[in-house]
């Protein structure tokens, strides 16, 4: 069973997105860490959406590759990069099979992306991230917290289709599989990395709990 299918929903969202979308604004946390990277650092924006972070990192002088499973993502980012005269490598592809050589990057960013699938998808993705990062390179990611499950259940009926993997009826992308975890499961998944920070916090809406992890490739 294929579970990393949420890009089908997001492809249509990116088709409609414009500069007013919240997905067009770079996260301060991402920019704060990016400021610590040396100029010219090789960065992968994994699941780049409409390019909010890929564009911001390129403006800071990073050598950016942007990858997303949604075709519309690559189209939008390509147009925006050309409009600003920024050099960003843009590719459509799967997070479980990254089209880059071993040790290609100093930093990988994946904001609200890698939890789109079951544990098999997540493990394959993390193995690929570790492969394309140089030893000592950093990985910044967000994951869905298990404490969010009751919040989602209150909004729409849901069911666990495999370990920690849920789908919910109703609108939005959660009709597609999403992985929710506690700290113990998260750290087990990140066994190939040394955690530098780990925080479970809400995003814009009450109950929107996400793990924020910054880790170093061992």
N, C-alpha and C. Protein backbone atom coordinates (compact mmCIF):
# COMPACT_ATOMS: atom_id res chain seq x y z
N UNK A 1 0.84 -1.21 0.00
CA UNK A 1 0.00 0.00 0.00
C UNK A 1 0.87 1.25 0.00
N UNK A 2 0.66 2.14 -0.94
CA UNK A 2 1.38 3.41 -0.98
C UNK A 2 0.77 4.37 0.03
N UNK A 3 1.59 4.94 0.90
CA UNK A 3 1.04 5.84 1.91
C UNK A 3 1.53 7.27 1.77
N UNK A 4 2.59 7.51 1.00
CA UNK A 4 3.08 8.89 0.85
C UNK A 4 2.36 9.54 -0.33
N UNK A 5 1.08 9.86 -0.09
CA UNK A 5 0.19 10.36 -1.15
C UNK A 5 -0.27 11.79 -0.94
N UNK A 6 0.13 12.44 0.15
CA UNK A 6 -0.39 13.78 0.46
C UNK A 6 -0.01 14.82 -0.58
N UNK A 7 1.05 14.56 -1.36
CA UNK A 7 1.44 15.53 -2.39
C UNK A 7 0.33 15.74 -3.42
N UNK A 8 -0.59 14.78 -3.54
CA UNK A 8 -1.71 14.95 -4.47
C UNK A 8 -2.61 16.11 -4.02
N UNK A 9 -2.83 16.18 -2.72
CA UNK A 9 -3.59 17.31 -2.17
C UNK A 9 -2.81 18.61 -2.32
N UNK A 10 -1.53 18.59 -1.96
CA UNK A 10 -0.74 19.82 -1.98
C UNK A 10 -0.47 20.31 -3.39
N UNK A 11 -0.46 19.42 -4.35
CA UNK A 11 -0.26 19.87 -5.72
C UNK A 11 -1.36 20.85 -6.13
N UNK A 12 -2.60 20.56 -5.73
CA UNK A 12 -3.71 21.45 -6.04
C UNK A 12 -3.63 22.74 -5.23
N UNK A 13 -3.17 22.64 -3.98
CA UNK A 13 -3.00 23.85 -3.17
C UNK A 13 -1.93 24.76 -3.76
N UNK A 14 -0.83 24.20 -4.21
CA UNK A 14 0.25 25.02 -4.80
C UNK A 14 -0.19 25.64 -6.12
N UNK A 15 -1.12 24.99 -6.81
CA UNK A 15 -1.63 25.56 -8.05
C UNK A 15 -2.36 26.88 -7.78
N UNK A 16 -2.98 26.98 -6.59
CA UNK A 16 -3.77 28.17 -6.25
C UNK A 16 -2.98 29.19 -5.42
N UNK A 17 -1.81 28.81 -4.93
CA UNK A 17 -1.10 29.66 -3.96
C UNK A 17 -0.59 30.94 -4.60
N UNK A 18 -0.57 31.99 -3.80
CA UNK A 18 0.02 33.26 -4.24
C UNK A 18 0.83 33.84 -3.08
N UNK A 19 1.31 35.05 -3.24
CA UNK A 19 2.17 35.65 -2.23
C UNK A 19 1.49 35.91 -0.90
N UNK A 20 0.16 35.83 -0.86
CA UNK A 20 -0.57 36.07 0.39
C UNK A 20 -0.68 34.82 1.24
N UNK A 21 -0.30 33.68 0.70
CA UNK A 21 -0.42 32.42 1.43
C UNK A 21 0.53 32.39 2.61
N UNK A 22 0.10 31.77 3.72
CA UNK A 22 1.01 31.62 4.87
C UNK A 22 2.20 30.75 4.49
N UNK A 23 2.04 29.93 3.47
CA UNK A 23 3.12 29.06 3.03
C UNK A 23 4.16 29.82 2.21
N UNK A 24 3.96 31.13 2.02
CA UNK A 24 4.95 31.94 1.32
C UNK A 24 5.92 32.62 2.28
N UNK A 25 5.65 32.51 3.59
CA UNK A 25 6.47 33.21 4.59
C UNK A 25 7.45 32.25 5.24
N UNK A 26 8.74 32.58 5.19
CA UNK A 26 9.76 31.73 5.80
C UNK A 26 9.64 31.74 7.32
N UNK A 27 9.91 30.62 7.95
CA UNK A 27 9.85 30.50 9.41
C UNK A 27 11.11 31.11 10.03
N UNK A 28 10.91 31.86 11.11
CA UNK A 28 12.03 32.51 11.78
C UNK A 28 13.05 31.49 12.30
N UNK A 29 12.57 30.37 12.77
CA UNK A 29 13.46 29.32 13.28
C UNK A 29 14.42 28.83 12.19
N UNK A 30 13.88 28.70 10.98
CA UNK A 30 14.69 28.26 9.84
C UNK A 30 15.76 29.31 9.52
N UNK A 31 15.36 30.57 9.51
CA UNK A 31 16.28 31.64 9.17
C UNK A 31 17.36 31.82 10.24
N UNK A 32 16.99 31.62 11.50
CA UNK A 32 17.96 31.75 12.59
C UNK A 32 19.07 30.72 12.45
N UNK A 33 18.70 29.49 12.16
CA UNK A 33 19.74 28.47 11.97
C UNK A 33 20.53 28.72 10.69
N UNK A 34 19.83 29.13 9.63
CA UNK A 34 20.52 29.38 8.36
C UNK A 34 21.61 30.43 8.51
N UNK A 35 21.38 31.38 9.41
CA UNK A 35 22.37 32.44 9.62
C UNK A 35 23.67 31.91 10.21
N UNK A 36 23.63 30.71 10.79
CA UNK A 36 24.84 30.12 11.35
C UNK A 36 25.62 29.32 10.32
N UNK A 37 25.02 29.08 9.15
CA UNK A 37 25.69 28.31 8.12
C UNK A 37 26.68 29.19 7.37
N UNK A 38 27.81 28.65 6.93
CA UNK A 38 28.74 29.46 6.15
C UNK A 38 28.16 29.83 4.80
N UNK A 39 28.53 30.97 4.28
CA UNK A 39 28.07 31.37 2.96
C UNK A 39 28.51 30.33 1.95
N UNK A 40 27.59 29.96 1.09
CA UNK A 40 27.90 28.92 0.12
C UNK A 40 27.60 27.52 0.60
N UNK A 41 27.02 27.39 1.80
CA UNK A 41 26.67 26.06 2.31
C UNK A 41 25.71 25.37 1.35
N UNK A 42 25.89 24.08 1.20
CA UNK A 42 25.04 23.30 0.32
C UNK A 42 23.81 22.84 1.11
N UNK A 43 22.63 23.27 0.66
CA UNK A 43 21.41 23.04 1.42
C UNK A 43 20.35 22.37 0.54
N UNK A 44 19.68 21.37 1.12
CA UNK A 44 18.52 20.75 0.48
C UNK A 44 17.27 21.17 1.21
N UNK A 45 16.32 21.75 0.49
CA UNK A 45 14.98 22.02 1.03
C UNK A 45 14.10 20.86 0.56
N UNK A 46 13.86 19.94 1.47
CA UNK A 46 13.15 18.70 1.15
C UNK A 46 11.66 18.87 1.41
N UNK A 47 10.87 18.82 0.34
CA UNK A 47 9.45 19.14 0.44
C UNK A 47 9.28 20.64 0.45
N UNK A 48 9.75 21.26 -0.63
CA UNK A 48 9.96 22.72 -0.64
C UNK A 48 8.68 23.53 -0.80
N UNK A 49 7.56 22.91 -1.11
CA UNK A 49 6.31 23.66 -1.25
C UNK A 49 6.41 24.70 -2.35
N UNK A 50 6.06 25.94 -2.02
CA UNK A 50 6.16 27.02 -3.02
C UNK A 50 7.45 27.82 -2.86
N UNK A 51 8.39 27.25 -2.10
CA UNK A 51 9.74 27.79 -2.12
C UNK A 51 10.07 28.84 -1.08
N UNK A 52 9.25 28.96 -0.04
CA UNK A 52 9.50 30.04 0.92
C UNK A 52 10.88 29.94 1.55
N UNK A 53 11.31 28.71 1.87
CA UNK A 53 12.63 28.56 2.50
C UNK A 53 13.74 28.44 1.47
N UNK A 54 13.49 27.78 0.37
CA UNK A 54 14.51 27.67 -0.68
C UNK A 54 14.92 29.06 -1.16
N UNK A 55 13.96 29.93 -1.39
CA UNK A 55 14.25 31.28 -1.85
C UNK A 55 15.00 32.07 -0.78
N UNK A 56 14.54 31.97 0.48
CA UNK A 56 15.19 32.71 1.57
C UNK A 56 16.63 32.26 1.76
N UNK A 57 16.87 30.97 1.68
CA UNK A 57 18.23 30.45 1.86
C UNK A 57 19.13 30.84 0.70
N UNK A 58 18.58 30.85 -0.51
CA UNK A 58 19.37 31.29 -1.66
C UNK A 58 19.74 32.76 -1.54
N UNK A 59 18.84 33.57 -1.00
CA UNK A 59 19.14 34.99 -0.80
C UNK A 59 20.28 35.18 0.19
N UNK A 60 20.42 34.24 1.12
CA UNK A 60 21.49 34.31 2.12
C UNK A 60 22.83 33.81 1.57
N UNK A 61 22.83 33.34 0.34
CA UNK A 61 24.07 32.89 -0.27
C UNK A 61 24.29 31.40 -0.24
N UNK A 62 23.31 30.64 0.23
CA UNK A 62 23.43 29.18 0.22
C UNK A 62 23.25 28.64 -1.19
N UNK A 63 23.87 27.50 -1.45
CA UNK A 63 23.67 26.78 -2.70
C UNK A 63 22.53 25.81 -2.48
N UNK A 64 21.36 26.13 -3.02
CA UNK A 64 20.13 25.44 -2.64
C UNK A 64 19.65 24.49 -3.73
N UNK A 65 19.25 23.31 -3.28
CA UNK A 65 18.48 22.38 -4.09
C UNK A 65 17.10 22.27 -3.44
N UNK A 66 16.06 22.33 -4.25
CA UNK A 66 14.69 22.22 -3.74
C UNK A 66 14.03 21.01 -4.39
N UNK A 67 13.47 20.13 -3.56
CA UNK A 67 12.81 18.94 -4.08
C UNK A 67 11.42 18.83 -3.49
N UNK A 68 10.46 18.46 -4.33
CA UNK A 68 9.10 18.23 -3.86
C UNK A 68 8.46 17.18 -4.76
N UNK A 69 7.53 16.41 -4.18
CA UNK A 69 6.83 15.40 -4.97
C UNK A 69 5.75 16.01 -5.85
N UNK A 70 5.33 17.24 -5.55
CA UNK A 70 4.27 17.90 -6.31
C UNK A 70 4.85 18.66 -7.50
N UNK A 71 4.34 18.39 -8.67
CA UNK A 71 4.82 19.06 -9.89
C UNK A 71 4.61 20.56 -9.80
N UNK A 72 3.48 21.00 -9.25
CA UNK A 72 3.20 22.43 -9.16
C UNK A 72 4.24 23.15 -8.30
N UNK A 73 4.77 22.47 -7.31
CA UNK A 73 5.82 23.06 -6.48
C UNK A 73 7.02 23.46 -7.32
N UNK A 74 7.47 22.55 -8.15
CA UNK A 74 8.65 22.83 -8.95
C UNK A 74 8.40 23.96 -9.94
N UNK A 75 7.19 24.02 -10.46
CA UNK A 75 6.85 25.10 -11.40
C UNK A 75 6.90 26.46 -10.71
N UNK A 76 6.27 26.55 -9.54
CA UNK A 76 6.19 27.82 -8.82
C UNK A 76 7.57 28.28 -8.38
N UNK A 77 8.36 27.36 -7.83
CA UNK A 77 9.69 27.74 -7.36
C UNK A 77 10.57 28.17 -8.52
N UNK A 78 10.49 27.45 -9.63
CA UNK A 78 11.28 27.82 -10.80
C UNK A 78 10.97 29.21 -11.28
N UNK A 79 9.69 29.57 -11.34
CA UNK A 79 9.29 30.91 -11.77
C UNK A 79 9.80 31.97 -10.79
N UNK A 80 9.65 31.71 -9.50
CA UNK A 80 10.07 32.69 -8.50
C UNK A 80 11.58 32.88 -8.50
N UNK A 81 12.33 31.80 -8.64
CA UNK A 81 13.79 31.90 -8.67
C UNK A 81 14.26 32.70 -9.87
N UNK A 82 13.67 32.46 -11.02
CA UNK A 82 14.05 33.21 -12.23
C UNK A 82 13.70 34.68 -12.09
N UNK A 83 12.57 34.98 -11.47
CA UNK A 83 12.15 36.37 -11.30
C UNK A 83 13.12 37.14 -10.42
N UNK A 84 13.75 36.46 -9.45
CA UNK A 84 14.71 37.12 -8.55
C UNK A 84 16.15 36.95 -8.99
N UNK A 85 16.36 36.18 -10.04
CA UNK A 85 17.73 35.94 -10.48
C UNK A 85 18.51 35.04 -9.53
N UNK A 86 17.82 34.13 -8.87
CA UNK A 86 18.45 33.22 -7.92
C UNK A 86 18.72 31.87 -8.57
N UNK A 87 19.85 31.28 -8.23
CA UNK A 87 20.19 29.95 -8.75
C UNK A 87 19.75 28.90 -7.74
N UNK A 88 18.67 28.21 -8.05
CA UNK A 88 18.15 27.14 -7.20
C UNK A 88 17.92 25.93 -8.09
N UNK A 89 18.50 24.81 -7.72
CA UNK A 89 18.22 23.57 -8.44
C UNK A 89 16.88 23.03 -7.99
N UNK A 90 15.97 22.83 -8.90
CA UNK A 90 14.60 22.42 -8.56
C UNK A 90 14.30 21.08 -9.23
N UNK A 91 13.84 20.12 -8.41
CA UNK A 91 13.52 18.81 -8.95
C UNK A 91 12.23 18.28 -8.35
N UNK A 92 11.48 17.55 -9.16
CA UNK A 92 10.32 16.82 -8.69
C UNK A 92 10.78 15.40 -8.37
N UNK A 93 10.42 14.90 -7.18
CA UNK A 93 10.85 13.56 -6.82
C UNK A 93 10.35 13.15 -5.46
N UNK A 94 10.62 11.90 -5.11
CA UNK A 94 10.16 11.32 -3.86
C UNK A 94 11.19 11.51 -2.75
N UNK A 95 10.69 11.75 -1.54
CA UNK A 95 11.60 11.91 -0.40
C UNK A 95 12.24 10.59 0.00
N UNK A 96 11.71 9.46 -0.47
CA UNK A 96 12.28 8.16 -0.14
C UNK A 96 13.38 7.73 -1.11
N UNK A 97 13.56 8.49 -2.18
CA UNK A 97 14.61 8.19 -3.17
C UNK A 97 15.20 9.51 -3.65
N UNK A 98 16.07 10.10 -2.86
CA UNK A 98 16.62 11.41 -3.18
C UNK A 98 17.63 11.30 -4.32
N UNK A 99 17.48 12.15 -5.33
CA UNK A 99 18.33 12.04 -6.53
C UNK A 99 19.66 12.79 -6.40
N UNK A 100 20.37 12.56 -5.28
CA UNK A 100 21.62 13.27 -5.03
C UNK A 100 22.67 12.27 -4.54
N UNK A 101 23.94 12.53 -4.82
CA UNK A 101 25.01 11.63 -4.35
C UNK A 101 25.18 11.69 -2.84
N UNK A 102 25.86 10.69 -2.31
CA UNK A 102 26.18 10.65 -0.88
C UNK A 102 26.94 11.91 -0.46
N UNK A 103 26.60 12.43 0.72
CA UNK A 103 27.33 13.56 1.28
C UNK A 103 27.22 14.85 0.50
N UNK A 104 26.11 15.04 -0.22
CA UNK A 104 25.97 16.22 -1.08
C UNK A 104 25.72 17.51 -0.34
N UNK A 105 25.24 17.44 0.91
CA UNK A 105 24.74 18.64 1.58
C UNK A 105 25.35 18.85 2.96
N UNK A 106 25.45 20.13 3.31
CA UNK A 106 25.86 20.55 4.65
C UNK A 106 24.66 20.66 5.58
N UNK A 107 23.49 20.88 5.00
CA UNK A 107 22.27 21.08 5.79
C UNK A 107 21.07 20.61 4.98
N UNK A 108 20.17 19.90 5.65
CA UNK A 108 18.89 19.52 5.05
C UNK A 108 17.78 20.10 5.91
N UNK A 109 16.82 20.73 5.26
CA UNK A 109 15.64 21.29 5.93
C UNK A 109 14.41 20.56 5.41
N UNK A 110 13.53 20.16 6.33
CA UNK A 110 12.27 19.55 5.91
C UNK A 110 11.18 19.98 6.88
N UNK A 111 10.47 21.03 6.50
CA UNK A 111 9.48 21.65 7.39
C UNK A 111 8.08 21.14 7.05
N UNK A 112 7.47 20.42 8.00
CA UNK A 112 6.11 19.89 7.83
C UNK A 112 5.99 18.95 6.63
N UNK A 113 6.94 18.03 6.50
CA UNK A 113 6.97 17.18 5.29
C UNK A 113 7.13 15.70 5.60
N UNK A 114 8.16 15.30 6.34
CA UNK A 114 8.54 13.90 6.36
C UNK A 114 7.53 13.00 7.06
N UNK A 115 6.57 13.56 7.79
CA UNK A 115 5.56 12.74 8.45
C UNK A 115 4.40 12.36 7.52
N UNK A 116 4.49 12.72 6.26
CA UNK A 116 3.43 12.37 5.31
C UNK A 116 3.65 10.94 4.79
N UNK A 117 3.24 9.97 5.58
CA UNK A 117 3.39 8.57 5.21
C UNK A 117 3.46 7.71 6.46
N UNK A 118 3.59 6.41 6.27
CA UNK A 118 3.68 5.51 7.42
C UNK A 118 5.12 5.37 7.88
N UNK A 119 5.36 4.49 8.84
CA UNK A 119 6.69 4.37 9.41
C UNK A 119 7.71 3.85 8.39
N UNK A 120 7.27 3.02 7.46
CA UNK A 120 8.17 2.54 6.41
C UNK A 120 8.66 3.69 5.56
N UNK A 121 7.75 4.58 5.17
CA UNK A 121 8.11 5.76 4.39
C UNK A 121 9.06 6.65 5.19
N UNK A 122 8.74 6.85 6.46
CA UNK A 122 9.55 7.73 7.30
C UNK A 122 10.96 7.18 7.49
N UNK A 123 11.09 5.90 7.72
CA UNK A 123 12.42 5.31 7.90
C UNK A 123 13.24 5.41 6.61
N UNK A 124 12.59 5.17 5.49
CA UNK A 124 13.30 5.27 4.21
C UNK A 124 13.75 6.70 3.95
N UNK A 125 12.90 7.65 4.31
CA UNK A 125 13.24 9.06 4.11
C UNK A 125 14.42 9.47 4.99
N UNK A 126 14.39 9.09 6.25
CA UNK A 126 15.48 9.45 7.16
C UNK A 126 16.79 8.80 6.74
N UNK A 127 16.72 7.58 6.21
CA UNK A 127 17.93 6.94 5.71
C UNK A 127 18.50 7.71 4.52
N UNK A 128 17.63 8.22 3.67
CA UNK A 128 18.08 9.01 2.52
C UNK A 128 18.66 10.35 2.96
N UNK A 129 18.02 10.98 3.94
CA UNK A 129 18.56 12.25 4.46
C UNK A 129 19.97 12.03 5.02
N UNK A 130 20.13 10.97 5.82
CA UNK A 130 21.44 10.67 6.38
C UNK A 130 22.46 10.40 5.28
N UNK A 131 22.03 9.75 4.23
CA UNK A 131 22.94 9.42 3.13
C UNK A 131 23.44 10.67 2.41
N UNK A 132 22.55 11.63 2.14
CA UNK A 132 22.94 12.79 1.34
C UNK A 132 23.59 13.89 2.18
N UNK A 133 23.50 13.79 3.52
CA UNK A 133 24.18 14.74 4.40
C UNK A 133 25.63 14.30 4.62
N UNK A 134 26.53 15.25 4.67
CA UNK A 134 27.90 14.93 5.07
C UNK A 134 27.92 14.65 6.57
N UNK A 135 28.85 13.83 7.05
CA UNK A 135 28.99 13.66 8.51
C UNK A 135 29.20 15.02 9.18
N UNK A 136 28.45 15.28 10.24
CA UNK A 136 28.52 16.57 10.91
C UNK A 136 27.57 17.60 10.35
N UNK A 137 26.93 17.28 9.22
CA UNK A 137 25.92 18.19 8.66
C UNK A 137 24.67 18.20 9.51
N UNK A 138 23.86 19.23 9.37
CA UNK A 138 22.69 19.38 10.23
C UNK A 138 21.40 19.11 9.47
N UNK A 139 20.41 18.65 10.24
CA UNK A 139 19.08 18.35 9.71
C UNK A 139 18.06 19.02 10.61
N UNK A 140 17.24 19.89 10.03
CA UNK A 140 16.15 20.54 10.76
C UNK A 140 14.83 20.02 10.20
N UNK A 141 13.97 19.52 11.09
CA UNK A 141 12.71 18.94 10.63
C UNK A 141 11.62 19.17 11.66
N UNK A 142 10.38 19.05 11.21
CA UNK A 142 9.24 19.01 12.12
C UNK A 142 8.52 17.68 11.93
N UNK A 143 7.95 17.21 13.03
CA UNK A 143 7.17 15.96 13.05
C UNK A 143 5.87 16.22 13.80
N UNK A 144 4.86 15.44 13.51
CA UNK A 144 3.59 15.56 14.23
C UNK A 144 3.70 14.87 15.59
N UNK A 145 3.28 15.58 16.62
CA UNK A 145 3.31 15.04 17.97
C UNK A 145 2.08 14.17 18.24
N UNK A 146 2.29 13.09 18.99
CA UNK A 146 1.18 12.19 19.34
C UNK A 146 0.12 12.91 20.16
N UNK A 147 0.49 13.97 20.88
CA UNK A 147 -0.52 14.67 21.69
C UNK A 147 -1.54 15.40 20.82
N UNK A 148 -1.26 15.45 19.51
CA UNK A 148 -2.20 16.10 18.59
C UNK A 148 -3.34 15.17 18.15
N UNK A 149 -3.19 13.88 18.33
CA UNK A 149 -4.19 12.93 17.84
C UNK A 149 -5.59 13.23 18.39
N UNK A 150 -5.77 13.44 19.72
CA UNK A 150 -7.13 13.75 20.20
C UNK A 150 -7.70 15.04 19.60
N UNK A 151 -6.84 15.99 19.30
CA UNK A 151 -7.29 17.23 18.67
C UNK A 151 -7.86 16.94 17.28
N UNK A 152 -7.16 16.11 16.53
CA UNK A 152 -7.64 15.75 15.19
C UNK A 152 -8.91 14.91 15.28
N UNK A 153 -8.99 14.02 16.26
CA UNK A 153 -10.19 13.19 16.42
C UNK A 153 -11.41 14.02 16.78
N UNK A 154 -11.19 15.12 17.47
CA UNK A 154 -12.31 16.00 17.81
C UNK A 154 -12.84 16.74 16.59
N UNK A 155 -12.01 16.89 15.58
CA UNK A 155 -12.41 17.60 14.36
C UNK A 155 -13.06 16.68 13.34
N UNK A 156 -12.60 15.44 13.26
CA UNK A 156 -13.11 14.52 12.24
C UNK A 156 -12.80 13.09 12.66
N UNK A 157 -13.66 12.13 12.29
CA UNK A 157 -13.38 10.73 12.63
C UNK A 157 -12.05 10.28 12.02
N UNK A 158 -11.30 9.51 12.79
CA UNK A 158 -10.01 9.03 12.31
C UNK A 158 -9.77 7.59 12.68
N UNK A 159 -8.79 6.98 12.03
CA UNK A 159 -8.44 5.59 12.34
C UNK A 159 -6.94 5.41 12.14
N UNK A 160 -6.36 4.55 12.96
CA UNK A 160 -4.95 4.23 12.86
C UNK A 160 -4.80 3.07 11.87
N UNK A 161 -4.17 3.34 10.73
CA UNK A 161 -4.09 2.32 9.68
C UNK A 161 -2.85 1.44 9.83
N UNK A 162 -1.85 1.92 10.54
CA UNK A 162 -0.69 1.13 10.93
C UNK A 162 -0.05 1.86 12.10
N UNK A 163 1.03 1.32 12.64
CA UNK A 163 1.59 1.87 13.86
C UNK A 163 1.87 3.38 13.74
N UNK A 164 1.20 4.18 14.60
CA UNK A 164 1.38 5.63 14.67
C UNK A 164 0.92 6.38 13.42
N UNK A 165 0.29 5.69 12.50
CA UNK A 165 -0.10 6.30 11.22
C UNK A 165 -1.62 6.40 11.14
N UNK A 166 -2.09 7.62 10.94
CA UNK A 166 -3.52 7.90 11.00
C UNK A 166 -4.02 8.57 9.72
N UNK A 167 -5.29 8.31 9.42
CA UNK A 167 -6.03 9.08 8.42
C UNK A 167 -7.31 9.58 9.07
N UNK A 168 -7.76 10.76 8.62
CA UNK A 168 -8.96 11.38 9.19
C UNK A 168 -9.91 11.77 8.06
N UNK A 169 -11.19 11.58 8.30
CA UNK A 169 -12.19 11.98 7.31
C UNK A 169 -12.29 13.50 7.28
N UNK A 170 -12.92 14.02 6.23
CA UNK A 170 -13.16 15.45 6.18
C UNK A 170 -12.26 16.16 5.18
N UNK A 171 -12.09 17.46 5.40
CA UNK A 171 -11.32 18.28 4.47
C UNK A 171 -9.84 18.29 4.86
N UNK A 172 -9.02 18.76 3.91
CA UNK A 172 -7.61 18.91 4.19
C UNK A 172 -6.81 17.68 3.79
N UNK A 173 -5.51 17.73 4.11
CA UNK A 173 -4.62 16.66 3.64
C UNK A 173 -4.61 15.43 4.54
N UNK A 174 -5.31 15.48 5.69
CA UNK A 174 -5.24 14.34 6.60
C UNK A 174 -6.14 13.18 6.21
N UNK A 175 -6.79 13.28 5.05
CA UNK A 175 -7.39 12.09 4.47
C UNK A 175 -6.29 11.18 3.95
N UNK A 176 -5.08 11.73 3.80
CA UNK A 176 -3.90 10.96 3.44
C UNK A 176 -3.15 10.57 4.72
N UNK A 177 -2.37 9.48 4.71
CA UNK A 177 -1.70 9.03 5.92
C UNK A 177 -0.71 10.05 6.50
N UNK A 178 -0.75 10.19 7.82
CA UNK A 178 0.16 11.05 8.58
C UNK A 178 0.69 10.27 9.77
N UNK A 179 1.96 10.48 10.09
CA UNK A 179 2.62 9.79 11.19
C UNK A 179 2.70 10.71 12.41
N UNK A 180 2.23 10.21 13.56
CA UNK A 180 2.26 10.95 14.82
C UNK A 180 3.12 10.16 15.81
N UNK A 181 3.94 10.85 16.60
CA UNK A 181 4.81 10.09 17.50
C UNK A 181 5.08 10.84 18.80
N UNK A 182 5.50 10.05 19.81
CA UNK A 182 5.99 10.64 21.04
C UNK A 182 7.51 10.76 20.96
N UNK A 183 8.12 11.30 22.00
CA UNK A 183 9.57 11.56 21.96
C UNK A 183 10.38 10.28 21.84
N UNK A 184 9.94 9.22 22.51
CA UNK A 184 10.70 7.96 22.46
C UNK A 184 10.75 7.41 21.04
N UNK A 185 9.60 7.39 20.38
CA UNK A 185 9.57 6.89 19.00
C UNK A 185 10.36 7.79 18.06
N UNK A 186 10.26 9.10 18.27
CA UNK A 186 10.99 10.03 17.41
C UNK A 186 12.49 9.80 17.52
N UNK A 187 13.00 9.70 18.73
CA UNK A 187 14.43 9.53 18.92
C UNK A 187 14.91 8.18 18.37
N UNK A 188 14.06 7.16 18.44
CA UNK A 188 14.42 5.87 17.86
C UNK A 188 14.54 5.98 16.34
N UNK A 189 13.65 6.73 15.73
CA UNK A 189 13.70 6.93 14.28
C UNK A 189 14.94 7.70 13.86
N UNK A 190 15.38 8.62 14.71
CA UNK A 190 16.52 9.48 14.41
C UNK A 190 17.84 8.88 14.94
N UNK A 191 17.93 7.56 14.95
CA UNK A 191 19.11 6.90 15.52
C UNK A 191 20.39 7.25 14.78
N UNK A 192 20.30 7.64 13.52
CA UNK A 192 21.49 8.01 12.76
C UNK A 192 21.92 9.45 12.94
N UNK A 193 21.29 10.15 13.87
CA UNK A 193 21.56 11.56 14.11
C UNK A 193 21.78 11.82 15.59
N UNK A 194 22.53 12.85 15.90
CA UNK A 194 22.71 13.32 17.27
C UNK A 194 21.80 14.53 17.48
N UNK A 195 20.74 14.42 18.30
CA UNK A 195 19.85 15.56 18.51
C UNK A 195 20.56 16.73 19.17
N UNK A 196 20.38 17.91 18.63
CA UNK A 196 20.91 19.13 19.23
C UNK A 196 19.84 19.88 19.99
N UNK A 197 18.59 19.80 19.51
CA UNK A 197 17.46 20.36 20.24
C UNK A 197 16.20 19.61 19.82
N UNK A 198 15.25 19.54 20.77
CA UNK A 198 13.99 18.85 20.52
C UNK A 198 12.91 19.52 21.35
N UNK A 199 11.90 20.08 20.67
CA UNK A 199 10.84 20.83 21.34
C UNK A 199 9.50 20.42 20.74
N UNK A 200 8.51 20.20 21.60
CA UNK A 200 7.14 19.93 21.15
C UNK A 200 6.33 21.20 21.40
N UNK A 201 5.87 21.84 20.33
CA UNK A 201 5.13 23.10 20.53
C UNK A 201 4.00 23.25 19.52
N UNK A 202 3.08 24.11 19.87
CA UNK A 202 1.95 24.40 19.00
C UNK A 202 2.37 25.36 17.89
N UNK A 203 1.76 25.21 16.75
CA UNK A 203 1.94 26.18 15.67
C UNK A 203 0.86 27.25 15.79
N UNK A 204 0.27 27.65 14.68
CA UNK A 204 -0.63 28.81 14.72
C UNK A 204 -1.91 28.57 15.50
N UNK A 205 -2.45 27.36 15.46
CA UNK A 205 -3.75 27.11 16.07
C UNK A 205 -3.60 26.26 17.33
N UNK A 206 -4.50 26.43 18.31
CA UNK A 206 -4.44 25.61 19.52
C UNK A 206 -4.50 24.12 19.19
N UNK A 207 -3.62 23.36 19.81
CA UNK A 207 -3.61 21.92 19.58
C UNK A 207 -2.79 21.46 18.39
N UNK A 208 -2.18 22.39 17.67
CA UNK A 208 -1.41 22.02 16.46
C UNK A 208 0.02 21.64 16.84
N UNK A 209 0.15 20.59 17.65
CA UNK A 209 1.43 20.21 18.23
C UNK A 209 2.36 19.60 17.19
N UNK A 210 3.57 20.11 17.13
CA UNK A 210 4.62 19.59 16.26
C UNK A 210 5.92 19.46 17.06
N UNK A 211 6.64 18.39 16.80
CA UNK A 211 8.02 18.30 17.26
C UNK A 211 8.91 19.12 16.34
N UNK A 212 9.81 19.88 16.93
CA UNK A 212 10.84 20.59 16.19
C UNK A 212 12.18 19.98 16.57
N UNK A 213 12.88 19.45 15.60
CA UNK A 213 14.15 18.80 15.90
C UNK A 213 15.27 19.38 15.04
N UNK A 214 16.37 19.66 15.68
CA UNK A 214 17.61 20.02 14.99
C UNK A 214 18.61 18.95 15.39
N UNK A 215 19.20 18.30 14.40
CA UNK A 215 20.09 17.17 14.69
C UNK A 215 21.31 17.22 13.78
N UNK A 216 22.33 16.53 14.22
CA UNK A 216 23.59 16.47 13.48
C UNK A 216 23.78 15.05 12.95
N UNK A 217 24.18 14.96 11.71
CA UNK A 217 24.44 13.65 11.11
C UNK A 217 25.68 13.03 11.75
N UNK A 218 25.51 11.83 12.31
CA UNK A 218 26.61 11.12 12.97
C UNK A 218 27.60 10.60 11.93
